[in-house]
Amino acid sequence: MIQAIRERYPRWGEAKSAVMLRREGCAVSVSTVGRTLTRLRALGHIVEPPLVRGGLRRWRRGRARPYAQRLAWGYSPQRPAI
């Protein structure tokens, strides 16, 4: 049953697969699903889809914060902060 769900939804992880198995009436833990998937991969019964680089998420660098900015390395204060 784990293999059937994995073949139907190859991008799902073990946690989401365990939830779907529980909904179908098979009470298994997340670690059991993970061990089974590892065994199925080792035996060659399931093949992982290729990784897509850069297509799923793109992290953008945010704007510079106007507060809490790091001071320059050699900075020494001229007067005490008020």
C-alpha atoms as a PDB file:
ATOM      1  CA  MET A   1       0.000   0.000   0.000  1.00  0.00           C
ATOM      2  CA  ILE A   2       2.910   2.345   0.741  1.00  0.00           C
ATOM      3  CA  GLN A   3       4.369   1.639  -2.681  1.00  0.00           C
ATOM      4  CA  ALA A   4       1.058   2.400  -4.387  1.00  0.00           C
ATOM      5  CA  ILE A   5       0.753   5.787  -2.679  1.00  0.00           C
ATOM      6  CA  ARG A   6       4.368   6.630  -3.470  1.00  0.00           C
ATOM      7  CA  GLU A   7       3.895   5.750  -7.138  1.00  0.00           C
ATOM      8  CA  ARG A   8       0.753   7.861  -7.292  1.00  0.00           C
ATOM      9  CA  TYR A   9       2.358  10.848  -5.504  1.00  0.00           C
ATOM     10  CA  PRO A  10       6.151  10.633  -5.963  1.00  0.00           C
ATOM     11  CA  ARG A  11       6.938  14.038  -4.437  1.00  0.00           C
ATOM     12  CA  TRP A  12       5.206  13.373  -1.117  1.00  0.00           C
ATOM     13  CA  GLY A  13       7.353  12.665   1.906  1.00  0.00           C
ATOM     14  CA  GLU A  14       6.901  10.000   4.522  1.00  0.00           C
ATOM     15  CA  ALA A  15       4.848  12.209   6.864  1.00  0.00           C
ATOM     16  CA  LYS A  16       2.218  13.085   4.279  1.00  0.00           C
ATOM     17  CA  SER A  17       2.141   9.491   3.030  1.00  0.00           C
ATOM     18  CA  ALA A  18       1.526   8.274   6.592  1.00  0.00           C
ATOM     19  CA  VAL A  19      -1.432  10.652   6.930  1.00  0.00           C
ATOM     20  CA  MET A  20      -2.918   9.389   3.681  1.00  0.00           C
ATOM     21  CA  LEU A  21      -2.462   5.767   4.786  1.00  0.00           C
ATOM     22  CA  ARG A  22      -4.263   6.511   8.052  1.00  0.00           C
ATOM     23  CA  ARG A  23      -7.157   8.036   6.105  1.00  0.00           C
ATOM     24  CA  GLU A  24      -7.407   4.846   4.080  1.00  0.00           C
ATOM     25  CA  GLY A  25      -7.551   2.766   7.268  1.00  0.00           C
ATOM     26  CA  CYS A  26      -3.960   1.520   7.568  1.00  0.00           C
ATOM     27  CA  ALA A  27      -2.524   2.627  10.925  1.00  0.00           C
ATOM     28  CA  VAL A  28       1.222   3.077  10.396  1.00  0.00           C
ATOM     29  CA  SER A  29       3.722   5.480  11.902  1.00  0.00           C
ATOM     30  CA  VAL A  30       5.846   7.970  10.012  1.00  0.00           C
ATOM     31  CA  SER A  31       9.031   6.056  10.818  1.00  0.00           C
ATOM     32  CA  THR A  32       7.520   2.813   9.496  1.00  0.00           C
ATOM     33  CA  VAL A  33       6.711   4.538   6.208  1.00  0.00           C
ATOM     34  CA  GLY A  34      10.265   5.935   6.060  1.00  0.00           C
ATOM     35  CA  ARG A  35      11.868   2.546   6.691  1.00  0.00           C
ATOM     36  CA  THR A  36       9.643   0.926   4.080  1.00  0.00           C
ATOM     37  CA  LEU A  37      10.443   3.603   1.496  1.00  0.00           C
ATOM     38  CA  THR A  38      14.168   3.152   2.166  1.00  0.00           C
ATOM     39  CA  ARG A  39      13.849  -0.607   1.682  1.00  0.00           C
ATOM     40  CA  LEU A  40      11.812  -0.183  -1.531  1.00  0.00           C
ATOM     41  CA  ARG A  41      14.423   2.235  -2.922  1.00  0.00           C
ATOM     42  CA  ALA A  42      17.249  -0.190  -2.085  1.00  0.00           C
ATOM     43  CA  LEU A  43      15.445  -3.047  -3.831  1.00  0.00           C
ATOM     44  CA  GLY A  44      14.727  -0.870  -6.861  1.00  0.00           C
ATOM     45  CA  HIS A  45      10.941  -1.126  -6.596  1.00  0.00           C
ATOM     46  CA  ILE A  46      10.484   2.648  -6.577  1.00  0.00           C
ATOM     47  CA  VAL A  47      12.555   5.225  -8.400  1.00  0.00           C
ATOM     48  CA  GLU A  48      12.841   8.759  -7.101  1.00  0.00           C
ATOM     49  CA  PRO A  49      11.923  11.563  -9.530  1.00  0.00           C
ATOM     50  CA  PRO A  50      14.825  13.788 -10.592  1.00  0.00           C
ATOM     51  CA  LEU A  51      15.448  16.915  -8.551  1.00  0.00           C
ATOM     52  CA  VAL A  52      14.503  20.217 -10.137  1.00  0.00           C
ATOM     53  CA  ARG A  53      17.016  22.892  -9.262  1.00  0.00           C
ATOM     54  CA  GLY A  54      15.742  26.436  -8.983  1.00  0.00           C
ATOM     55  CA  GLY A  55      12.247  25.696 -10.223  1.00  0.00           C
ATOM     56  CA  LEU A  56      10.471  24.971  -6.961  1.00  0.00           C
ATOM     57  CA  ARG A  57      11.497  27.861  -4.730  1.00  0.00           C
ATOM     58  CA  ARG A  58      13.556  30.906  -5.280  1.00  0.00           C
ATOM     59  CA  TRP A  59      14.817  32.642  -2.193  1.00  0.00           C
ATOM     60  CA  ARG A  60      15.047  36.356  -2.643  1.00  0.00           C
ATOM     61  CA  ARG A  61      17.227  38.627  -0.666  1.00  0.00           C
ATOM     62  CA  GLY A  62      15.049  41.080   1.221  1.00  0.00           C
ATOM     63  CA  ARG A  63      15.535  44.793   1.417  1.00  0.00           C
ATOM     64  CA  ALA A  64      18.099  46.115   3.846  1.00  0.00           C
ATOM     65  CA  ARG A  65      16.687  46.786   7.288  1.00  0.00           C
ATOM     66  CA  PRO A  66      16.798  50.414   8.390  1.00  0.00           C
ATOM     67  CA  TYR A  67      17.364  49.291  11.994  1.00  0.00           C
ATOM     68  CA  ALA A  68      19.814  47.027  13.806  1.00  0.00           C
ATOM     69  CA  GLN A  69      22.501  47.353  11.181  1.00  0.00           C
ATOM     70  CA  ARG A  70      25.962  46.038  11.918  1.00  0.00           C
ATOM     71  CA  LEU A  71      28.613  48.692  12.407  1.00  0.00           C
ATOM     72  CA  ALA A  72      31.842  48.766  10.439  1.00  0.00           C
ATOM     73  CA  TRP A  73      34.653  46.591  11.787  1.00  0.00           C
ATOM     74  CA  GLY A  74      37.019  49.329  12.914  1.00  0.00           C
ATOM     75  CA  TYR A  75      34.309  51.636  14.247  1.00  0.00           C
ATOM     76  CA  SER A  76      34.939  53.361  17.563  1.00  0.00           C
ATOM     77  CA  PRO A  77      32.269  55.665  19.044  1.00  0.00           C
ATOM     78  CA  GLN A  78      32.980  59.408  19.252  1.00  0.00           C
ATOM     79  CA  ARG A  79      30.494  60.043  22.093  1.00  0.00           C
ATOM     80  CA  PRO A  80      28.200  57.918  24.258  1.00  0.00           C
ATOM     81  CA  ALA A  81      24.844  56.857  22.835  1.00  0.00           C
ATOM     82  CA  ILE A  82      21.874  58.706  24.243  1.00  0.00           C
END
